[in-house]
Amino acid sequence: MKEITVGDLRQIRTYPLKTRKSIATRSDFGCPSRKEDSLNVFLERLPNFYMARSLKRVAENIRNCNRSKRALHWSIGSHVIKNGLSPYLIDLMKEGFVSAISFNGSAPIHDFEISFVGATSEDVDAALGEGKFGLAKETAEFINMATVKGVAEGWGLGRSVGERIRRECPNPNDSLLATAAELGIPATVHLAVGTDIIHIHPSFDPQAAGLGSYRDFLTFASSIANLEDGIYLNIGSAVILPEIFLKALSLVRNLGHVVDKFCAVNVDFIRHYRPRRNVLDRPTSKGGEAIEIIGPHELILPLLHAMVICGD
């Protein structure tokens, strides 16, 4: 066996440090804030590494898509709503940084409850033991009746619930679905029957809900058909919306729509298989850009909002 000795180390060949290609450079370092600094200065001074660099890149892509009128499709997991982040998304909608927005089936529940009573997200542990979990009367009756009436009008689930919140709830300005309805932004809701509390109530109409969700899938696919050079953001959905996205993308490509080059973004607090594969890897294999940002939504989304709104 060969043996390395201290004497051997004298034969090591070195090179000048300045000739080495380094990954971390001083120009990319962060800069501490001063009391007199504005928020915009703070954002500009964030270091240009890892998640901070990714956030800057996503914000830049969002602003570019807005300027060039390209698709800006946001898919939102429901805990994003109940963790207090609707105001940021509503503001982005009003400022023109959202061309379509999609949700899983529980999103209308939290969206309605915030608009109706200003509170949501029940204590499951406490309610389940008493057989009360998911049995709030107004939530189920409002959403289920909105579905039946809206689907009869020819609408999908998102518009059906959004229009009724806009017209009947005390605080429609707090609602993502109502804001989308008011602004004419496509808002889609994608069900998995049996996953949401409103499905266990007698007012639930599975035929109306299924038809409304199917119409929303076609609306979703229409948005994806226009995604070339745009951006698709999956914020906090680990299963349903990544699966919907993959099928819609396959559908529109099969129909001859060119959707090969776009920016796919996934934001979540942990890494999941489906968003990684079905939002980032597979859809961008023909071109474009894939960006993953891992961190708590209650920090990441406000930062991203600030970068978009305050950026040049």
C-alpha atoms as a PDB file:
ATOM      1  CA  MET A   1       0.000   0.000   0.000  1.00  0.00           C
ATOM      2  CA  LYS A   2       1.287   3.433  -0.946  1.00  0.00           C
ATOM      3  CA  GLU A   3       1.933   5.782   1.942  1.00  0.00           C
ATOM      4  CA  ILE A   4       1.740   9.584   1.900  1.00  0.00           C
ATOM      5  CA  THR A   5       4.244  11.324   4.189  1.00  0.00           C
ATOM      6  CA  VAL A   6       4.753  14.900   5.324  1.00  0.00           C
ATOM      7  CA  GLY A   7       7.691  15.093   2.967  1.00  0.00           C
ATOM      8  CA  ASP A   8       5.448  14.324   0.015  1.00  0.00           C
ATOM      9  CA  LEU A   9       3.364  17.408   0.733  1.00  0.00           C
ATOM     10  CA  ARG A  10       6.323  19.604  -0.257  1.00  0.00           C
ATOM     11  CA  GLN A  11       5.826  18.373  -3.817  1.00  0.00           C
ATOM     12  CA  ILE A  12       2.248  19.646  -4.091  1.00  0.00           C
ATOM     13  CA  ARG A  13       1.780  22.022  -7.030  1.00  0.00           C
ATOM     14  CA  THR A  14      -0.051  25.214  -6.134  1.00  0.00           C
ATOM     15  CA  TYR A  15      -1.328  28.088  -8.251  1.00  0.00           C
ATOM     16  CA  PRO A  16      -2.116  31.782  -7.638  1.00  0.00           C
ATOM     17  CA  LEU A  17      -5.447  32.316  -5.905  1.00  0.00           C
ATOM     18  CA  LYS A  18      -6.414  35.088  -8.341  1.00  0.00           C
ATOM     19  CA  THR A  19      -6.317  32.618 -11.230  1.00  0.00           C
ATOM     20  CA  ARG A  20      -8.883  30.333  -9.620  1.00  0.00           C
ATOM     21  CA  LYS A  21     -12.522  30.431 -10.664  1.00  0.00           C
ATOM     22  CA  SER A  22     -14.494  31.013  -7.455  1.00  0.00           C
ATOM     23  CA  ILE A  23     -18.181  30.415  -6.944  1.00  0.00           C
ATOM     24  CA  ALA A  24     -18.695  33.032  -4.221  1.00  0.00           C
ATOM     25  CA  THR A  25     -17.642  36.582  -5.006  1.00  0.00           C
ATOM     26  CA  ARG A  26     -17.802  39.721  -2.903  1.00  0.00           C
ATOM     27  CA  SER A  27     -20.063  41.413  -5.457  1.00  0.00           C
ATOM     28  CA  ASP A  28     -22.728  38.813  -4.658  1.00  0.00           C
ATOM     29  CA  PHE A  29     -22.596  39.281  -0.876  1.00  0.00           C
ATOM     30  CA  GLY A  30     -25.485  40.799   1.052  1.00  0.00           C
ATOM     31  CA  CYS A  31     -25.391  44.278   2.534  1.00  0.00           C
ATOM     32  CA  PRO A  32     -26.823  45.048   6.007  1.00  0.00           C
ATOM     33  CA  SER A  33     -29.727  47.465   6.102  1.00  0.00           C
ATOM     34  CA  ARG A  34     -29.568  50.917   7.627  1.00  0.00           C
ATOM     35  CA  LYS A  35     -32.396  52.629   9.511  1.00  0.00           C
ATOM     36  CA  GLU A  36     -32.953  55.067   6.677  1.00  0.00           C
ATOM     37  CA  ASP A  37     -33.143  52.396   3.965  1.00  0.00           C
ATOM     38  CA  SER A  38     -36.332  51.781   2.012  1.00  0.00           C
ATOM     39  CA  LEU A  39     -37.743  48.317   1.411  1.00  0.00           C
ATOM     40  CA  ASN A  40     -36.520  48.468  -2.170  1.00  0.00           C
ATOM     41  CA  VAL A  41     -32.964  49.071  -1.001  1.00  0.00           C
ATOM     42  CA  PHE A  42     -33.254  46.117   1.387  1.00  0.00           C
ATOM     43  CA  LEU A  43     -34.367  43.822  -1.429  1.00  0.00           C
ATOM     44  CA  GLU A  44     -31.599  44.984  -3.735  1.00  0.00           C
ATOM     45  CA  ARG A  45     -29.033  44.279  -1.015  1.00  0.00           C
ATOM     46  CA  LEU A  46     -29.987  40.654  -0.472  1.00  0.00           C
ATOM     47  CA  PRO A  47     -27.113  38.292  -1.280  1.00  0.00           C
ATOM     48  CA  ASN A  48     -27.091  36.755  -4.748  1.00  0.00           C
ATOM     49  CA  PHE A  49     -26.914  33.121  -3.628  1.00  0.00           C
ATOM     50  CA  TYR A  50     -29.230  30.114  -3.502  1.00  0.00           C
ATOM     51  CA  MET A  51     -32.834  30.966  -2.540  1.00  0.00           C
ATOM     52  CA  ALA A  52     -32.274  34.731  -2.589  1.00  0.00           C
ATOM     53  CA  ARG A  53     -30.883  34.504  -6.112  1.00  0.00           C
ATOM     54  CA  SER A  54     -33.777  32.255  -7.150  1.00  0.00           C
ATOM     55  CA  LEU A  55     -36.298  34.695  -5.725  1.00  0.00           C
ATOM     56  CA  LYS A  56     -34.699  37.551  -7.647  1.00  0.00           C
ATOM     57  CA  ARG A  57     -34.837  35.504 -10.827  1.00  0.00           C
ATOM     58  CA  VAL A  58     -38.501  34.594 -10.349  1.00  0.00           C
ATOM     59  CA  ALA A  59     -39.428  38.220  -9.650  1.00  0.00           C
ATOM     60  CA  GLU A  60     -37.546  39.311 -12.770  1.00  0.00           C
ATOM     61  CA  ASN A  61     -39.380  36.709 -14.864  1.00  0.00           C
ATOM     62  CA  ILE A  62     -42.747  37.798 -13.470  1.00  0.00           C
ATOM     63  CA  ARG A  63     -42.069  41.439 -14.310  1.00  0.00           C
ATOM     64  CA  ASN A  64     -40.849  40.517 -17.795  1.00  0.00           C
ATOM     65  CA  CYS A  65     -43.979  38.452 -18.455  1.00  0.00           C
ATOM     66  CA  ASN A  66     -46.133  41.325 -17.257  1.00  0.00           C
ATOM     67  CA  ARG A  67     -44.377  43.795 -19.585  1.00  0.00           C
ATOM     68  CA  SER A  68     -44.603  41.479 -22.590  1.00  0.00           C
ATOM     69  CA  LYS A  69     -48.189  40.377 -21.809  1.00  0.00           C
ATOM     70  CA  ARG A  70     -47.166  36.738 -21.408  1.00  0.00           C
ATOM     71  CA  ALA A  71     -49.034  34.194 -19.287  1.00  0.00           C
ATOM     72  CA  LEU A  72     -48.637  34.436 -15.509  1.00  0.00           C
ATOM     73  CA  HIS A  73     -50.389  31.357 -14.131  1.00  0.00           C
ATOM     74  CA  TRP A  74     -50.391  30.824 -10.357  1.00  0.00           C
ATOM     75  CA  SER A  75     -51.461  27.539  -8.737  1.00  0.00           C
ATOM     76  CA  ILE A  76     -52.059  27.847  -5.001  1.00  0.00           C
ATOM     77  CA  GLY A  77     -52.253  25.272  -2.209  1.00  0.00           C
ATOM     78  CA  SER A  78     -54.983  26.005   0.322  1.00  0.00           C
ATOM     79  CA  HIS A  79     -52.717  26.407   3.358  1.00  0.00           C
ATOM     80  CA  VAL A  80     -51.262  29.460   1.586  1.00  0.00           C
ATOM     81  CA  ILE A  81     -54.681  31.075   2.035  1.00  0.00           C
ATOM     82  CA  LYS A  82     -55.240  30.066   5.648  1.00  0.00           C
ATOM     83  CA  ASN A  83     -51.718  31.203   6.569  1.00  0.00           C
ATOM     84  CA  GLY A  84     -52.653  34.782   5.777  1.00  0.00           C
ATOM     85  CA  LEU A  85     -51.205  35.276   2.313  1.00  0.00           C
ATOM     86  CA  SER A  86     -54.311  36.111   0.285  1.00  0.00           C
ATOM     87  CA  PRO A  87     -53.696  39.897   0.500  1.00  0.00           C
ATOM     88  CA  TYR A  88     -50.387  39.530  -1.364  1.00  0.00           C
ATOM     89  CA  LEU A  89     -51.977  37.485  -4.139  1.00  0.00           C
ATOM     90  CA  ILE A  90     -54.970  39.827  -4.361  1.00  0.00           C
ATOM     91  CA  ASP A  91     -52.602  42.768  -4.768  1.00  0.00           C
ATOM     92  CA  LEU A  92     -50.661  40.942  -7.495  1.00  0.00           C
ATOM     93  CA  MET A  93     -53.954  40.274  -9.267  1.00  0.00           C
ATOM     94  CA  LYS A  94     -54.953  43.935  -9.109  1.00  0.00           C
ATOM     95  CA  GLU A  95     -51.529  45.040 -10.340  1.00  0.00           C
ATOM     96  CA  GLY A  96     -51.718  42.782 -13.409  1.00  0.00           C
ATOM     97  CA  PHE A  97     -49.236  40.096 -12.359  1.00  0.00           C
ATOM     98  CA  VAL A  98     -51.750  37.224 -12.555  1.00  0.00           C
ATOM     99  CA  SER A  99     -53.351  36.046 -15.799  1.00  0.00           C
ATOM    100  CA  ALA A 100     -54.904  32.889 -14.277  1.00  0.00           C
ATOM    101  CA  ILE A 101     -55.072  31.388 -10.798  1.00  0.00           C
ATOM    102  CA  SER A 102     -55.887  27.819  -9.749  1.00  0.00           C
ATOM    103  CA  PHE A 103     -56.708  26.050  -6.496  1.00  0.00           C
ATOM    104  CA  ASN A 104     -57.427  22.626  -5.056  1.00  0.00           C
ATOM    105  CA  GLY A 105     -60.855  21.847  -3.636  1.00  0.00           C
ATOM    106  CA  SER A 106     -60.414  23.188  -0.119  1.00  0.00           C
ATOM    107  CA  ALA A 107     -59.431  26.696  -1.233  1.00  0.00           C
ATOM    108  CA  PRO A 108     -63.034  27.942  -1.607  1.00  0.00           C
ATOM    109  CA  ILE A 109     -63.666  26.874   1.999  1.00  0.00           C
ATOM    110  CA  HIS A 110     -60.969  29.097   3.478  1.00  0.00           C
ATOM    111  CA  ASP A 111     -61.618  31.848   0.946  1.00  0.00           C
ATOM    112  CA  PHE A 112     -65.334  31.941   1.810  1.00  0.00           C
ATOM    113  CA  GLU A 113     -64.868  31.767   5.585  1.00  0.00           C
ATOM    114  CA  ILE A 114     -62.420  34.664   5.590  1.00  0.00           C
ATOM    115  CA  SER A 115     -64.865  36.715   3.505  1.00  0.00           C
ATOM    116  CA  PHE A 116     -67.879  35.695   5.607  1.00  0.00           C
ATOM    117  CA  VAL A 117     -66.700  35.759   9.234  1.00  0.00           C
ATOM    118  CA  GLY A 118     -63.058  36.882   8.989  1.00  0.00           C
ATOM    119  CA  ALA A 119     -61.689  33.575  10.336  1.00  0.00           C
ATOM    120  CA  THR A 120     -60.910  30.084   9.031  1.00  0.00           C
ATOM    121  CA  SER A 121     -58.962  26.863   9.732  1.00  0.00           C
ATOM    122  CA  GLU A 122     -60.770  24.985  12.500  1.00  0.00           C
ATOM    123  CA  ASP A 123     -59.012  23.041  15.258  1.00  0.00           C
ATOM    124  CA  VAL A 124     -59.228  19.567  13.713  1.00  0.00           C
ATOM    125  CA  ASP A 125     -57.927  17.716  16.790  1.00  0.00           C
ATOM    126  CA  ALA A 126     -60.546  19.250  19.041  1.00  0.00           C
ATOM    127  CA  ALA A 127     -63.451  18.928  16.589  1.00  0.00           C
ATOM    128  CA  LEU A 128     -62.753  15.417  15.292  1.00  0.00           C
ATOM    129  CA  GLY A 129     -63.119  13.734  18.670  1.00  0.00           C
ATOM    130  CA  GLU A 130     -66.596  15.212  19.091  1.00  0.00           C
ATOM    131  CA  GLY A 131     -67.688  14.371  15.546  1.00  0.00           C
ATOM    132  CA  LYS A 132     -67.893  18.069  14.636  1.00  0.00           C
ATOM    133  CA  PHE A 133     -64.989  18.382  12.227  1.00  0.00           C
ATOM    134  CA  GLY A 134     -66.051  19.930   8.935  1.00  0.00           C
ATOM    135  CA  LEU A 135     -69.659  20.425   9.952  1.00  0.00           C
ATOM    136  CA  ALA A 136     -69.977  24.217   9.971  1.00  0.00           C
ATOM    137  CA  LYS A 137     -73.415  24.859   8.456  1.00  0.00           C
ATOM    138  CA  GLU A 138     -72.840  28.070   6.509  1.00  0.00           C
ATOM    139  CA  THR A 139     -69.600  26.964   4.821  1.00  0.00           C
ATOM    140  CA  ALA A 140     -71.072  23.887   3.185  1.00  0.00           C
ATOM    141  CA  GLU A 141     -74.438  25.388   2.301  1.00  0.00           C
ATOM    142  CA  PHE A 142     -72.946  28.536   0.782  1.00  0.00           C
ATOM    143  CA  ILE A 143     -70.334  26.792  -1.381  1.00  0.00           C
ATOM    144  CA  ASN A 144     -72.528  23.881  -2.407  1.00  0.00           C
ATOM    145  CA  MET A 145     -75.425  26.122  -3.383  1.00  0.00           C
ATOM    146  CA  ALA A 146     -73.069  28.486  -5.200  1.00  0.00           C
ATOM    147  CA  THR A 147     -71.825  25.474  -7.148  1.00  0.00           C
ATOM    148  CA  VAL A 148     -75.294  24.303  -8.143  1.00  0.00           C
ATOM    149  CA  LYS A 149     -76.453  27.762  -9.216  1.00  0.00           C
ATOM    150  CA  GLY A 150     -73.216  28.724 -10.955  1.00  0.00           C
ATOM    151  CA  VAL A 151     -72.898  25.480 -12.882  1.00  0.00           C
ATOM    152  CA  ALA A 152     -76.510  25.951 -14.046  1.00  0.00           C
ATOM    153  CA  GLU A 153     -75.341  29.307 -15.467  1.00  0.00           C
ATOM    154  CA  GLY A 154     -72.633  27.499 -17.425  1.00  0.00           C
ATOM    155  CA  TRP A 155     -69.750  28.457 -15.118  1.00  0.00           C
ATOM    156  CA  GLY A 156     -66.993  26.425 -13.519  1.00  0.00           C
ATOM    157  CA  LEU A 157     -66.440  26.057  -9.775  1.00  0.00           C
ATOM    158  CA  GLY A 158     -64.073  28.993  -9.369  1.00  0.00           C
ATOM    159  CA  ARG A 159     -66.374  31.548 -10.936  1.00  0.00           C
ATOM    160  CA  SER A 160     -69.484  30.038  -9.323  1.00  0.00           C
ATOM    161  CA  VAL A 161     -68.136  30.534  -5.800  1.00  0.00           C
ATOM    162  CA  GLY A 162     -66.330  33.783  -6.594  1.00  0.00           C
ATOM    163  CA  GLU A 163     -69.425  35.492  -7.997  1.00  0.00           C
ATOM    164  CA  ARG A 164     -71.524  34.574  -4.980  1.00  0.00           C
ATOM    165  CA  ILE A 165     -68.859  35.718  -2.508  1.00  0.00           C
ATOM    166  CA  ARG A 166     -68.579  38.991  -4.435  1.00  0.00           C
ATOM    167  CA  ARG A 167     -72.321  39.608  -4.203  1.00  0.00           C
ATOM    168  CA  GLU A 168     -73.246  38.236  -0.784  1.00  0.00           C
ATOM    169  CA  CYS A 169     -70.323  38.163   1.665  1.00  0.00           C
ATOM    170  CA  PRO A 170     -69.550  41.063   4.016  1.00  0.00           C
ATOM    171  CA  ASN A 171     -65.870  41.224   3.030  1.00  0.00           C
ATOM    172  CA  PRO A 172     -65.503  40.270  -0.649  1.00  0.00           C
ATOM    173  CA  ASN A 173     -62.295  42.290  -0.942  1.00  0.00           C
ATOM    174  CA  ASP A 174     -60.612  39.623   1.218  1.00  0.00           C
ATOM    175  CA  SER A 175     -61.495  36.886  -1.269  1.00  0.00           C
ATOM    176  CA  LEU A 176     -59.211  35.623  -4.031  1.00  0.00           C
ATOM    177  CA  LEU A 177     -62.128  34.072  -5.900  1.00  0.00           C
ATOM    178  CA  ALA A 178     -64.272  37.207  -5.651  1.00  0.00           C
ATOM    179  CA  THR A 179     -61.373  39.387  -6.788  1.00  0.00           C
ATOM    180  CA  ALA A 180     -60.782  37.124  -9.765  1.00  0.00           C
ATOM    181  CA  ALA A 181     -64.469  37.276 -10.672  1.00  0.00           C
ATOM    182  CA  GLU A 182     -64.469  41.070 -10.410  1.00  0.00           C
ATOM    183  CA  LEU A 183     -61.333  41.439 -12.531  1.00  0.00           C
ATOM    184  CA  GLY A 184     -62.289  38.784 -15.075  1.00  0.00           C
ATOM    185  CA  ILE A 185     -59.265  36.631 -14.242  1.00  0.00           C
ATOM    186  CA  PRO A 186     -59.843  32.891 -14.809  1.00  0.00           C
ATOM    187  CA  ALA A 187     -59.945  31.187 -11.401  1.00  0.00           C
ATOM    188  CA  THR A 188     -60.205  27.407 -11.406  1.00  0.00           C
ATOM    189  CA  VAL A 189     -60.886  24.882  -8.647  1.00  0.00           C
ATOM    190  CA  HIS A 190     -59.899  21.229  -9.034  1.00  0.00           C
ATOM    191  CA  LEU A 191     -61.659  18.627  -6.907  1.00  0.00           C
ATOM    192  CA  ALA A 192     -60.768  15.233  -5.535  1.00  0.00           C
ATOM    193  CA  VAL A 193     -64.147  14.049  -4.275  1.00  0.00           C
ATOM    194  CA  GLY A 194     -64.079  13.107  -0.601  1.00  0.00           C
ATOM    195  CA  THR A 195     -61.105  15.277   0.349  1.00  0.00           C
ATOM    196  CA  ASP A 196     -63.021  18.381   1.446  1.00  0.00           C
ATOM    197  CA  ILE A 197     -65.440  18.978   4.314  1.00  0.00           C
ATOM    198  CA  ILE A 198     -68.237  20.249   2.068  1.00  0.00           C
ATOM    199  CA  HIS A 199     -68.461  16.783   0.475  1.00  0.00           C
ATOM    200  CA  ILE A 200     -69.872  15.219   3.655  1.00  0.00           C
ATOM    201  CA  HIS A 201     -72.902  17.523   3.782  1.00  0.00           C
ATOM    202  CA  PRO A 202     -76.296  16.650   2.276  1.00  0.00           C
ATOM    203  CA  SER A 203     -76.202  19.869   0.224  1.00  0.00           C
ATOM    204  CA  PHE A 204     -73.267  18.559  -1.820  1.00  0.00           C
ATOM    205  CA  ASP A 205     -74.276  17.833  -5.422  1.00  0.00           C
ATOM    206  CA  PRO A 206     -71.594  15.574  -6.944  1.00  0.00           C
ATOM    207  CA  GLN A 207     -72.925  16.002 -10.470  1.00  0.00           C
ATOM    208  CA  ALA A 208     -72.776  19.785 -10.334  1.00  0.00           C
ATOM    209  CA  ALA A 209     -69.400  19.747  -8.577  1.00  0.00           C
ATOM    210  CA  GLY A 210     -67.929  17.285 -11.062  1.00  0.00           C
ATOM    211  CA  LEU A 211     -69.173  19.242 -14.064  1.00  0.00           C
ATOM    212  CA  GLY A 212     -67.944  22.513 -12.594  1.00  0.00           C
ATOM    213  CA  SER A 213     -64.505  21.046 -11.887  1.00  0.00           C
ATOM    214  CA  TYR A 214     -64.339  19.608 -15.407  1.00  0.00           C
ATOM    215  CA  ARG A 215     -65.159  23.002 -16.902  1.00  0.00           C
ATOM    216  CA  ASP A 216     -62.392  24.466 -14.768  1.00  0.00           C
ATOM    217  CA  PHE A 217     -59.970  21.863 -16.085  1.00  0.00           C
ATOM    218  CA  LEU A 218     -60.726  23.029 -19.637  1.00  0.00           C
ATOM    219  CA  THR A 219     -60.223  26.645 -18.541  1.00  0.00           C
ATOM    220  CA  PHE A 220     -56.950  25.629 -16.891  1.00  0.00           C
ATOM    221  CA  ALA A 221     -55.828  23.891 -20.090  1.00  0.00           C
ATOM    222  CA  SER A 222     -56.708  26.997 -22.104  1.00  0.00           C
ATOM    223  CA  SER A 223     -54.361  29.012 -19.913  1.00  0.00           C
ATOM    224  CA  ILE A 224     -51.590  26.432 -20.317  1.00  0.00           C
ATOM    225  CA  ALA A 225     -52.044  26.538 -24.110  1.00  0.00           C
ATOM    226  CA  ASN A 226     -50.836  30.161 -23.893  1.00  0.00           C
ATOM    227  CA  LEU A 227     -47.895  29.471 -21.580  1.00  0.00           C
ATOM    228  CA  GLU A 228     -45.091  29.704 -24.169  1.00  0.00           C
ATOM    229  CA  ASP A 229     -42.512  32.248 -22.891  1.00  0.00           C
ATOM    230  CA  GLY A 230     -44.677  32.712 -19.793  1.00  0.00           C
ATOM    231  CA  ILE A 231     -44.352  31.547 -16.211  1.00  0.00           C
ATOM    232  CA  TYR A 232     -46.145  28.856 -14.205  1.00  0.00           C
ATOM    233  CA  LEU A 233     -45.891  29.023 -10.419  1.00  0.00           C
ATOM    234  CA  ASN A 234     -46.916  26.194  -8.103  1.00  0.00           C
ATOM    235  CA  ILE A 235     -47.132  27.586  -4.587  1.00  0.00           C
ATOM    236  CA  GLY A 236     -47.715  24.922  -1.964  1.00  0.00           C
ATOM    237  CA  SER A 237     -49.616  22.182  -3.799  1.00  0.00           C
ATOM    238  CA  ALA A 238     -47.886  18.818  -3.416  1.00  0.00           C
ATOM    239  CA  VAL A 239     -50.213  16.540  -5.405  1.00  0.00           C
ATOM    240  CA  ILE A 240     -53.433  17.787  -7.039  1.00  0.00           C
ATOM    241  CA  LEU A 241     -52.255  20.819  -8.991  1.00  0.00           C
ATOM    242  CA  PRO A 242     -48.954  19.295 -10.193  1.00  0.00           C
ATOM    243  CA  GLU A 243     -50.985  16.380 -11.560  1.00  0.00           C
ATOM    244  CA  ILE A 244     -53.520  18.719 -13.207  1.00  0.00           C
ATOM    245  CA  PHE A 245     -50.701  20.734 -14.750  1.00  0.00           C
ATOM    246  CA  LEU A 246     -48.978  17.696 -16.256  1.00  0.00           C
ATOM    247  CA  LYS A 247     -52.174  16.404 -17.878  1.00  0.00           C
ATOM    248  CA  ALA A 248     -53.159  19.827 -19.198  1.00  0.00           C
ATOM    249  CA  LEU A 249     -49.702  20.314 -20.681  1.00  0.00           C
ATOM    250  CA  SER A 250     -49.861  16.947 -22.438  1.00  0.00           C
ATOM    251  CA  LEU A 251     -53.345  17.775 -23.741  1.00  0.00           C
ATOM    252  CA  VAL A 252     -52.447  21.125 -25.281  1.00  0.00           C
ATOM    253  CA  ARG A 253     -49.239  19.806 -26.827  1.00  0.00           C
ATOM    254  CA  ASN A 254     -51.205  16.941 -28.350  1.00  0.00           C
ATOM    255  CA  LEU A 255     -53.636  19.471 -29.849  1.00  0.00           C
ATOM    256  CA  GLY A 256     -50.750  21.238 -31.555  1.00  0.00           C
ATOM    257  CA  HIS A 257     -50.166  24.199 -29.245  1.00  0.00           C
ATOM    258  CA  VAL A 258     -46.502  25.132 -28.861  1.00  0.00           C
ATOM    259  CA  VAL A 259     -45.694  25.157 -25.150  1.00  0.00           C
ATOM    260  CA  ASP A 260     -42.026  24.233 -25.050  1.00  0.00           C
ATOM    261  CA  LYS A 261     -40.245  27.170 -23.447  1.00  0.00           C
ATOM    262  CA  PHE A 262     -41.478  28.732 -20.234  1.00  0.00           C
ATOM    263  CA  CYS A 263     -40.385  29.273 -16.638  1.00  0.00           C
ATOM    264  CA  ALA A 264     -41.693  26.694 -14.155  1.00  0.00           C
ATOM    265  CA  VAL A 265     -41.467  27.594 -10.469  1.00  0.00           C
ATOM    266  CA  ASN A 266     -42.201  25.502  -7.395  1.00  0.00           C
ATOM    267  CA  VAL A 267     -42.313  27.061  -3.923  1.00  0.00           C
ATOM    268  CA  ASP A 268     -42.841  24.920  -0.825  1.00  0.00           C
ATOM    269  CA  PHE A 269     -41.470  24.469   2.682  1.00  0.00           C
ATOM    270  CA  ILE A 270     -40.180  20.957   1.910  1.00  0.00           C
ATOM    271  CA  ARG A 271     -39.275  19.110  -1.286  1.00  0.00           C
ATOM    272  CA  HIS A 272     -41.951  16.845  -2.759  1.00  0.00           C
ATOM    273  CA  TYR A 273     -41.685  14.304  -5.557  1.00  0.00           C
ATOM    274  CA  ARG A 274     -44.595  15.409  -7.742  1.00  0.00           C
ATOM    275  CA  PRO A 275     -43.857  19.152  -7.887  1.00  0.00           C
ATOM    276  CA  ARG A 276     -40.222  18.346  -8.617  1.00  0.00           C
ATOM    277  CA  ARG A 277     -41.053  15.927 -11.434  1.00  0.00           C
ATOM    278  CA  ASN A 278     -44.409  17.213 -12.728  1.00  0.00           C
ATOM    279  CA  VAL A 279     -43.870  20.968 -12.461  1.00  0.00           C
ATOM    280  CA  LEU A 280     -40.128  21.388 -12.922  1.00  0.00           C
ATOM    281  CA  ASP A 281     -38.326  18.454 -14.562  1.00  0.00           C
ATOM    282  CA  ARG A 282     -40.702  16.905 -17.071  1.00  0.00           C
ATOM    283  CA  PRO A 283     -42.489  20.034 -18.365  1.00  0.00           C
ATOM    284  CA  THR A 284     -39.242  21.953 -19.032  1.00  0.00           C
ATOM    285  CA  SER A 285     -37.345  19.067 -20.659  1.00  0.00           C
ATOM    286  CA  LYS A 286     -37.872  20.695 -24.079  1.00  0.00           C
ATOM    287  CA  GLY A 287     -36.551  24.076 -22.961  1.00  0.00           C
ATOM    288  CA  GLY A 288     -37.261  26.924 -20.612  1.00  0.00           C
ATOM    289  CA  GLU A 289     -36.251  27.262 -16.992  1.00  0.00           C
ATOM    290  CA  ALA A 290     -37.044  25.389 -13.777  1.00  0.00           C
ATOM    291  CA  ILE A 291     -36.667  27.105 -10.399  1.00  0.00           C
ATOM    292  CA  GLU A 292     -37.302  25.540  -6.990  1.00  0.00           C
ATOM    293  CA  ILE A 293     -37.532  27.647  -3.850  1.00  0.00           C
ATOM    294  CA  ILE A 294     -37.718  25.891  -0.500  1.00  0.00           C
ATOM    295  CA  GLY A 295     -38.811  27.900   2.509  1.00  0.00           C
ATOM    296  CA  PRO A 296     -41.831  28.933   4.599  1.00  0.00           C
ATOM    297  CA  HIS A 297     -44.568  30.481   2.481  1.00  0.00           C
ATOM    298  CA  GLU A 298     -45.309  33.131   5.080  1.00  0.00           C
ATOM    299  CA  LEU A 299     -41.842  34.578   4.390  1.00  0.00           C
ATOM    300  CA  ILE A 300     -41.206  33.643   0.761  1.00  0.00           C
ATOM    301  CA  LEU A 301     -44.425  34.977  -0.733  1.00  0.00           C
ATOM    302  CA  PRO A 302     -44.272  38.424   0.930  1.00  0.00           C
ATOM    303  CA  LEU A 303     -40.656  38.721  -0.204  1.00  0.00           C
ATOM    304  CA  LEU A 304     -41.558  37.722  -3.746  1.00  0.00           C
ATOM    305  CA  HIS A 305     -44.459  40.157  -3.750  1.00  0.00           C
ATOM    306  CA  ALA A 306     -42.179  42.978  -2.607  1.00  0.00           C
ATOM    307  CA  MET A 307     -39.581  42.148  -5.254  1.00  0.00           C
ATOM    308  CA  VAL A 308     -42.215  42.180  -7.978  1.00  0.00           C
ATOM    309  CA  ILE A 309     -43.999  45.342  -6.862  1.00  0.00           C
ATOM    310  CA  CYS A 310     -40.925  47.325  -5.828  1.00  0.00           C
ATOM    311  CA  GLY A 311     -38.641  46.169  -8.640  1.00  0.00           C
ATOM    312  CA  ASP A 312     -37.798  48.144 -11.738  1.00  0.00           C
END
